[in-house]
Every structure is written in structure tokens, then in C-alpha cells.
N, C-alpha and C. Protein backbone atom coordinates (compact mmCIF):
# COMPACT_ATOMS: atom_id res chain seq x y z
N MET A 1 4.87 188.38 38.39
CA MET A 1 3.98 189.43 37.98
C MET A 1 4.82 190.51 37.30
N LEU A 2 4.43 190.96 36.14
CA LEU A 2 5.16 191.95 35.37
C LEU A 2 4.32 193.21 35.29
N LEU A 3 4.90 194.34 35.70
CA LEU A 3 4.17 195.60 35.63
C LEU A 3 4.68 196.41 34.46
N ASN A 4 3.80 196.73 33.56
CA ASN A 4 4.12 197.62 32.46
C ASN A 4 3.00 198.64 32.43
N PHE A 5 3.29 199.85 32.94
CA PHE A 5 2.23 200.84 33.09
C PHE A 5 1.66 201.28 31.75
N ASN A 6 2.44 201.20 30.68
CA ASN A 6 1.88 201.52 29.36
C ASN A 6 0.74 200.57 29.03
N LYS A 7 0.94 199.28 29.30
CA LYS A 7 -0.08 198.29 29.01
C LYS A 7 -1.30 198.48 29.90
N LEU A 8 -1.07 198.74 31.20
CA LEU A 8 -2.17 198.95 32.14
C LEU A 8 -3.02 200.14 31.76
N LEU A 9 -2.39 201.17 31.19
CA LEU A 9 -3.11 202.38 30.83
C LEU A 9 -3.62 202.36 29.39
N GLY A 10 -3.51 201.21 28.74
CA GLY A 10 -4.00 201.09 27.37
C GLY A 10 -3.18 201.91 26.39
N ASN A 11 -1.87 202.04 26.66
CA ASN A 11 -0.97 202.81 25.80
C ASN A 11 -1.42 204.25 25.57
N LYS A 12 -2.14 204.83 26.56
CA LYS A 12 -2.55 206.22 26.45
C LYS A 12 -1.33 207.11 26.53
N LYS A 13 -1.35 208.22 25.81
CA LYS A 13 -0.26 209.18 25.87
C LYS A 13 -0.29 209.87 27.23
N ARG A 14 0.91 210.08 27.78
CA ARG A 14 1.05 210.81 29.03
C ARG A 14 1.98 211.99 28.76
N ASN A 15 1.95 212.93 29.66
CA ASN A 15 2.82 214.10 29.51
C ASN A 15 4.21 213.85 30.06
N SER A 16 4.52 212.65 30.48
CA SER A 16 5.83 212.34 31.03
C SER A 16 6.89 212.34 29.95
N LYS A 17 8.10 212.67 30.34
CA LYS A 17 9.22 212.65 29.41
C LYS A 17 9.63 211.21 29.15
N VAL A 18 10.17 210.96 27.98
CA VAL A 18 10.62 209.63 27.60
C VAL A 18 11.89 209.29 28.36
N PHE A 19 12.05 208.02 28.71
CA PHE A 19 13.22 207.56 29.44
C PHE A 19 14.49 207.77 28.63
N ASN A 20 15.52 208.15 29.33
CA ASN A 20 16.83 208.32 28.73
C ASN A 20 17.80 207.55 29.62
N LYS A 21 18.62 206.67 29.06
CA LYS A 21 19.52 205.81 29.83
C LYS A 21 20.30 206.57 30.89
N SER A 22 20.69 207.80 30.63
CA SER A 22 21.49 208.56 31.58
C SER A 22 20.69 208.99 32.80
N THR A 23 19.39 208.75 32.81
CA THR A 23 18.58 209.18 33.95
C THR A 23 18.64 208.21 35.12
N VAL A 24 19.09 207.01 34.90
CA VAL A 24 19.15 206.04 35.99
C VAL A 24 20.43 206.28 36.77
N GLU A 25 20.31 206.59 38.04
CA GLU A 25 21.49 206.81 38.87
C GLU A 25 22.02 205.48 39.37
N ALA A 26 21.24 204.80 40.21
CA ALA A 26 21.68 203.50 40.72
C ALA A 26 20.65 202.98 41.70
N LYS A 27 20.66 201.69 41.86
CA LYS A 27 19.92 201.09 42.96
C LYS A 27 20.87 201.12 44.14
N VAL A 28 20.42 201.60 45.28
CA VAL A 28 21.32 201.74 46.41
C VAL A 28 21.57 200.41 47.07
N SER A 29 20.54 199.86 47.63
CA SER A 29 20.67 198.57 48.29
C SER A 29 19.31 197.90 48.29
N VAL A 30 19.32 196.64 48.57
CA VAL A 30 18.08 195.90 48.59
C VAL A 30 17.83 195.47 50.03
N THR A 31 16.63 195.77 50.51
CA THR A 31 16.23 195.31 51.83
C THR A 31 15.16 194.27 51.62
N GLU A 32 15.54 193.04 51.64
CA GLU A 32 14.59 191.96 51.44
C GLU A 32 14.06 191.50 52.78
N ARG A 33 12.78 191.41 52.89
CA ARG A 33 12.15 190.95 54.11
C ARG A 33 11.90 189.45 53.99
N ASN A 34 11.96 188.75 55.08
CA ASN A 34 11.71 187.32 55.10
C ASN A 34 10.25 187.08 54.75
N SER A 35 10.00 186.37 53.63
CA SER A 35 8.62 186.18 53.18
C SER A 35 7.83 185.25 54.09
N GLU A 36 8.50 184.58 55.02
CA GLU A 36 7.78 183.73 55.96
C GLU A 36 7.14 184.55 57.07
N LYS A 37 7.57 185.80 57.26
CA LYS A 37 6.98 186.65 58.28
C LYS A 37 5.55 186.98 57.89
N GLN A 38 4.74 187.20 58.88
CA GLN A 38 3.37 187.61 58.63
C GLN A 38 3.36 189.05 58.13
N LEU A 39 2.40 189.38 57.26
CA LEU A 39 2.32 190.73 56.71
C LEU A 39 2.17 191.79 57.78
N ASP A 40 1.46 191.48 58.86
CA ASP A 40 1.25 192.49 59.89
C ASP A 40 2.52 192.79 60.67
N GLU A 41 3.56 191.98 60.55
CA GLU A 41 4.84 192.25 61.19
C GLU A 41 5.70 193.17 60.34
N ILE A 42 5.36 193.32 59.08
CA ILE A 42 6.14 194.14 58.15
C ILE A 42 5.37 195.44 57.95
N THR A 43 5.88 196.51 58.52
CA THR A 43 5.11 197.75 58.60
C THR A 43 4.83 198.43 57.27
N ASN A 44 5.76 198.40 56.32
CA ASN A 44 5.57 199.12 55.07
C ASN A 44 4.90 198.31 53.97
N ILE A 45 4.58 197.06 54.24
CA ILE A 45 4.00 196.20 53.22
C ILE A 45 2.53 195.96 53.53
N LYS A 46 1.69 196.29 52.55
CA LYS A 46 0.25 196.09 52.68
C LYS A 46 -0.15 195.00 51.70
N GLU A 47 -0.93 194.04 52.18
CA GLU A 47 -1.34 192.91 51.35
C GLU A 47 -2.05 193.38 50.09
N GLU A 48 -1.66 192.77 48.95
CA GLU A 48 -2.24 193.03 47.63
C GLU A 48 -2.07 194.49 47.18
N LYS A 49 -1.01 195.16 47.65
CA LYS A 49 -0.74 196.54 47.23
C LYS A 49 0.73 196.71 46.90
N ILE A 50 0.99 197.63 45.99
CA ILE A 50 2.34 198.07 45.69
C ILE A 50 2.42 199.51 46.17
N ILE A 51 3.37 199.79 47.06
CA ILE A 51 3.46 201.11 47.67
C ILE A 51 4.83 201.69 47.43
N ILE A 52 4.85 202.97 47.09
CA ILE A 52 6.11 203.69 46.93
C ILE A 52 6.20 204.71 48.06
N GLN A 53 7.34 204.74 48.76
CA GLN A 53 7.54 205.63 49.89
C GLN A 53 8.75 206.50 49.67
N PHE A 54 8.56 207.80 49.59
CA PHE A 54 9.63 208.78 49.40
C PHE A 54 10.50 208.81 50.66
N THR A 55 11.83 208.84 50.45
CA THR A 55 12.73 208.94 51.59
C THR A 55 13.55 210.22 51.60
N GLY A 56 13.75 210.84 50.43
CA GLY A 56 14.51 212.08 50.40
C GLY A 56 14.88 212.49 48.99
N ALA A 57 15.26 213.78 48.86
CA ALA A 57 15.68 214.32 47.58
C ALA A 57 16.89 215.22 47.80
N SER A 58 17.83 215.13 46.89
CA SER A 58 19.03 215.96 46.95
C SER A 58 19.28 216.58 45.59
N PRO A 59 19.67 217.87 45.57
CA PRO A 59 20.01 218.50 44.30
C PRO A 59 21.22 217.82 43.67
N ALA A 60 21.21 217.72 42.34
CA ALA A 60 22.33 217.10 41.61
C ALA A 60 22.48 217.75 40.26
N ASN A 61 23.35 218.75 40.15
CA ASN A 61 23.62 219.45 38.88
C ASN A 61 22.35 219.96 38.21
N GLY A 62 21.49 220.60 38.97
CA GLY A 62 20.24 221.14 38.44
C GLY A 62 19.10 220.15 38.45
N GLY A 63 19.41 218.88 38.57
CA GLY A 63 18.38 217.83 38.65
C GLY A 63 18.19 217.42 40.11
N LEU A 64 17.61 216.26 40.30
CA LEU A 64 17.37 215.75 41.65
C LEU A 64 17.68 214.28 41.73
N LEU A 65 18.29 213.88 42.83
CA LEU A 65 18.40 212.47 43.18
C LEU A 65 17.29 212.21 44.18
N VAL A 66 16.42 211.27 43.88
CA VAL A 66 15.27 210.99 44.72
C VAL A 66 15.36 209.55 45.23
N GLY A 67 15.34 209.41 46.53
CA GLY A 67 15.38 208.10 47.15
C GLY A 67 13.99 207.65 47.55
N PHE A 68 13.74 206.35 47.42
CA PHE A 68 12.43 205.83 47.79
C PHE A 68 12.51 204.33 48.04
N PHE A 69 11.51 203.82 48.73
CA PHE A 69 11.32 202.39 48.90
C PHE A 69 10.10 202.00 48.10
N ILE A 70 10.14 200.83 47.49
CA ILE A 70 8.94 200.27 46.86
C ILE A 70 8.67 198.95 47.54
N SER A 71 7.43 198.74 47.96
CA SER A 71 7.07 197.50 48.64
C SER A 71 6.04 196.73 47.83
N ASN A 72 6.17 195.41 47.87
CA ASN A 72 5.31 194.51 47.12
C ASN A 72 4.54 193.63 48.10
N GLY A 73 3.25 193.81 48.18
CA GLY A 73 2.40 193.02 49.07
C GLY A 73 1.70 191.87 48.36
N PHE A 74 2.19 191.52 47.17
CA PHE A 74 1.60 190.41 46.43
C PHE A 74 2.39 189.12 46.68
N SER A 75 1.77 187.99 46.42
CA SER A 75 2.41 186.70 46.66
C SER A 75 3.41 186.33 45.56
N LYS A 76 3.49 187.12 44.49
CA LYS A 76 4.45 186.89 43.40
C LYS A 76 5.36 188.10 43.29
N LYS A 77 6.58 187.87 42.80
CA LYS A 77 7.47 189.00 42.58
C LYS A 77 6.93 189.87 41.46
N ILE A 78 7.26 191.14 41.49
CA ILE A 78 6.86 192.06 40.43
C ILE A 78 8.12 192.54 39.70
N THR A 79 7.95 192.90 38.44
CA THR A 79 9.02 193.47 37.65
C THR A 79 8.48 194.74 37.01
N CYS A 80 9.08 195.87 37.33
CA CYS A 80 8.67 197.15 36.75
C CYS A 80 9.48 197.39 35.49
N THR A 81 8.81 197.60 34.36
CA THR A 81 9.51 197.78 33.09
C THR A 81 9.52 199.21 32.59
N ASN A 82 8.49 199.96 32.83
CA ASN A 82 8.42 201.35 32.40
C ASN A 82 7.58 202.10 33.42
N VAL A 83 8.23 202.93 34.21
CA VAL A 83 7.55 203.58 35.33
C VAL A 83 7.71 205.09 35.22
N SER A 84 6.60 205.80 35.31
CA SER A 84 6.63 207.26 35.37
C SER A 84 6.40 207.67 36.82
N LEU A 85 7.28 208.54 37.31
CA LEU A 85 7.19 209.01 38.69
C LEU A 85 6.99 210.51 38.71
N ILE A 86 6.23 210.98 39.70
CA ILE A 86 6.06 212.42 39.90
C ILE A 86 6.34 212.75 41.36
N LEU A 87 6.89 213.92 41.56
CA LEU A 87 7.15 214.46 42.88
C LEU A 87 6.16 215.59 43.07
N ILE A 88 5.33 215.53 44.11
CA ILE A 88 4.31 216.55 44.33
C ILE A 88 4.46 217.17 45.71
N ASP A 89 3.96 218.41 45.85
CA ASP A 89 3.98 219.06 47.16
C ASP A 89 2.67 218.81 47.88
N SER A 90 2.50 219.40 49.05
CA SER A 90 1.30 219.17 49.86
C SER A 90 0.03 219.70 49.20
N ASN A 91 0.16 220.62 48.24
CA ASN A 91 -0.99 221.16 47.50
C ASN A 91 -1.23 220.42 46.20
N LYS A 92 -0.54 219.30 46.00
CA LYS A 92 -0.65 218.44 44.81
C LYS A 92 -0.11 219.10 43.54
N HIS A 93 0.78 220.10 43.69
CA HIS A 93 1.46 220.70 42.53
C HIS A 93 2.62 219.80 42.14
N ILE A 94 2.79 219.59 40.85
CA ILE A 94 3.86 218.73 40.36
C ILE A 94 5.18 219.49 40.38
N LEU A 95 6.17 218.93 41.10
CA LEU A 95 7.48 219.54 41.22
C LEU A 95 8.47 218.94 40.22
N ALA A 96 8.28 217.67 39.90
CA ALA A 96 9.15 216.97 38.95
C ALA A 96 8.38 215.78 38.40
N ARG A 97 8.71 215.43 37.15
CA ARG A 97 8.05 214.28 36.50
C ARG A 97 9.03 213.68 35.51
N GLN A 98 9.13 212.33 35.55
CA GLN A 98 10.03 211.66 34.61
C GLN A 98 9.68 210.19 34.51
N SER A 99 9.95 209.60 33.34
CA SER A 99 9.77 208.17 33.11
C SER A 99 11.11 207.46 33.24
N PHE A 100 11.08 206.24 33.76
CA PHE A 100 12.28 205.43 33.96
C PHE A 100 12.02 204.03 33.44
N ASP A 101 13.08 203.36 33.02
CA ASP A 101 12.93 201.98 32.56
C ASP A 101 13.05 201.04 33.76
N GLY A 102 13.06 199.76 33.49
CA GLY A 102 13.07 198.75 34.54
C GLY A 102 14.31 198.72 35.39
N GLU A 103 15.42 199.31 34.94
CA GLU A 103 16.64 199.31 35.73
C GLU A 103 16.51 200.12 37.01
N THR A 104 15.63 201.10 37.04
CA THR A 104 15.49 201.95 38.21
C THR A 104 14.91 201.17 39.39
N ILE A 105 13.87 200.38 39.15
CA ILE A 105 13.26 199.60 40.22
C ILE A 105 13.57 198.12 40.05
N GLY A 106 13.41 197.61 38.86
CA GLY A 106 13.71 196.20 38.60
C GLY A 106 12.69 195.27 39.26
N GLU A 107 13.19 194.17 39.81
CA GLU A 107 12.31 193.18 40.44
C GLU A 107 12.19 193.45 41.94
N VAL A 108 11.00 193.20 42.45
CA VAL A 108 10.76 193.28 43.89
C VAL A 108 10.10 191.97 44.28
N ASN A 109 10.76 191.20 45.11
CA ASN A 109 10.24 189.90 45.52
C ASN A 109 8.93 190.04 46.29
N SER A 110 8.19 188.93 46.37
CA SER A 110 6.92 188.94 47.08
C SER A 110 7.13 189.30 48.55
N TYR A 111 6.21 190.05 49.08
CA TYR A 111 6.22 190.48 50.49
C TYR A 111 7.57 191.05 50.90
N SER A 112 8.11 191.94 50.08
CA SER A 112 9.40 192.55 50.40
C SER A 112 9.38 194.01 49.97
N GLU A 113 10.42 194.71 50.38
CA GLU A 113 10.58 196.09 49.94
C GLU A 113 12.02 196.28 49.46
N LYS A 114 12.19 197.30 48.63
CA LYS A 114 13.48 197.54 48.00
C LYS A 114 13.78 199.03 48.00
N ALA A 115 15.01 199.39 48.31
CA ALA A 115 15.44 200.79 48.26
C ALA A 115 15.93 201.11 46.86
N CYS A 116 15.54 202.28 46.35
CA CYS A 116 15.94 202.70 45.00
C CYS A 116 16.29 204.18 45.00
N VAL A 117 17.04 204.59 43.99
CA VAL A 117 17.35 206.00 43.75
C VAL A 117 17.09 206.28 42.28
N ALA A 118 16.37 207.37 42.00
CA ALA A 118 16.11 207.79 40.63
C ALA A 118 16.69 209.18 40.44
N ARG A 119 17.30 209.40 39.28
CA ARG A 119 17.86 210.71 38.97
C ARG A 119 16.94 211.43 37.99
N PHE A 120 16.32 212.51 38.47
CA PHE A 120 15.48 213.35 37.63
C PHE A 120 16.38 214.36 36.93
N LEU A 121 16.29 214.43 35.62
CA LEU A 121 17.08 215.38 34.84
C LEU A 121 16.61 216.81 35.10
N PRO A 122 17.49 217.81 34.95
CA PRO A 122 17.11 219.20 35.19
C PRO A 122 15.87 219.63 34.40
N LYS A 123 15.73 219.17 33.15
CA LYS A 123 14.58 219.58 32.34
C LYS A 123 13.25 219.01 32.86
N ASN A 124 13.32 218.03 33.76
CA ASN A 124 12.11 217.42 34.32
C ASN A 124 11.81 217.87 35.74
N VAL A 125 12.59 218.82 36.24
CA VAL A 125 12.38 219.41 37.57
C VAL A 125 11.83 220.81 37.35
N PHE A 126 10.64 221.09 37.89
CA PHE A 126 9.93 222.32 37.57
C PHE A 126 10.02 223.41 38.63
N VAL A 127 10.81 223.20 39.68
CA VAL A 127 10.98 224.19 40.75
C VAL A 127 12.46 224.34 41.07
N ASN A 128 12.80 225.49 41.66
CA ASN A 128 14.19 225.73 42.05
C ASN A 128 14.48 225.19 43.45
N LYS A 129 13.47 225.21 44.30
CA LYS A 129 13.66 224.78 45.68
C LYS A 129 12.62 223.72 46.01
N ILE A 130 13.05 222.62 46.59
CA ILE A 130 12.14 221.53 46.95
C ILE A 130 11.65 221.76 48.38
N PRO A 131 10.32 221.86 48.58
CA PRO A 131 9.78 222.04 49.93
C PRO A 131 9.99 220.79 50.79
N LYS A 132 9.77 220.95 52.08
CA LYS A 132 9.96 219.82 53.01
C LYS A 132 8.87 218.77 52.89
N ASP A 133 7.63 219.19 52.70
CA ASP A 133 6.49 218.27 52.69
C ASP A 133 6.16 217.84 51.25
N ILE A 134 6.82 216.76 50.78
CA ILE A 134 6.58 216.30 49.42
C ILE A 134 6.34 214.80 49.40
N GLN A 135 5.77 214.33 48.31
CA GLN A 135 5.48 212.91 48.12
C GLN A 135 5.96 212.49 46.73
N LEU A 136 6.34 211.22 46.62
CA LEU A 136 6.66 210.61 45.35
C LEU A 136 5.55 209.64 45.01
N CYS A 137 5.03 209.73 43.79
CA CYS A 137 3.90 208.90 43.37
C CYS A 137 4.14 208.33 41.98
N PHE A 138 3.41 207.26 41.67
CA PHE A 138 3.37 206.77 40.31
C PHE A 138 2.56 207.75 39.49
N ASP A 139 3.01 208.07 38.30
CA ASP A 139 2.29 208.98 37.40
C ASP A 139 1.36 208.15 36.54
N LEU A 140 0.09 208.15 36.87
CA LEU A 140 -0.90 207.35 36.13
C LEU A 140 -1.78 208.22 35.25
N SER A 141 -1.41 209.51 35.10
CA SER A 141 -2.25 210.40 34.29
C SER A 141 -2.12 210.11 32.82
């Protein structure tokens, strides 16, 4: 399964910044779950859903390093090619927004989750201080 959010959204223009190669920090590690396990034994994986879970953010030269897990509850692996991410607070205010290419997430095997890190550039971070209660979401606007 190949995910290209531009195609899913009908190539609609978004307010997200265009990907820049220097924005990819690194994939930290891969946590692959045994696909033979039942879905109900894997807590972060929901059947037929792709879920992104924020794990933390650290300041980095005016920008942010954002850690997250992405889980794939589909029976086929997914490949993310162009993904826009937003960081929001508890009041749904956008704190940061940026687009990333497939290197940030890459492939996620079926019924597995993967740890990733994305580097938001300073120009894409809209606050000076990151509150404690925040979420990372796919930017589908």
C-alpha cells in the first residue's frame, strides 16, 4: 500500500511548507511487531487504521526535533511518500507545520509500528515555548 497524501487530497494546495532535504533528521529505530500476534495483543495498533503517536519534542537550533511512532493496522505494508505533519496544543492551535518526504517515515510493515524523528525547521515553528499537552497529527487541510 502506497500513501501519497497529495494524491489522496486531489492535489489540493495546502498551507504546509515544501519539503527540504535538510529537514529530515533521522529514523531512530524500528520496532517491528510480530505480525502473527493478534491485533488485540498489540496496544498501539488498530485494525484498518494508521495512527501517529507523539512521543516528545526537543528544541534544536530554533527548530524542533519531534519523536513519534506510526502504526499500521492494515494487512499490507504502507509507504509514506509525502507527509505533512502539524503539532497542535490542547486548544487545537497550530504550533508547528511542515512537509516531509518518504525518508522521514518510509515503509511500515503490516500490523507493526515504527519509531521516527522529524526535524521541524525554525521557520515552521510558530511558538517560542512548547506546552506540555500537545499532539502530532497528519495535516490534511
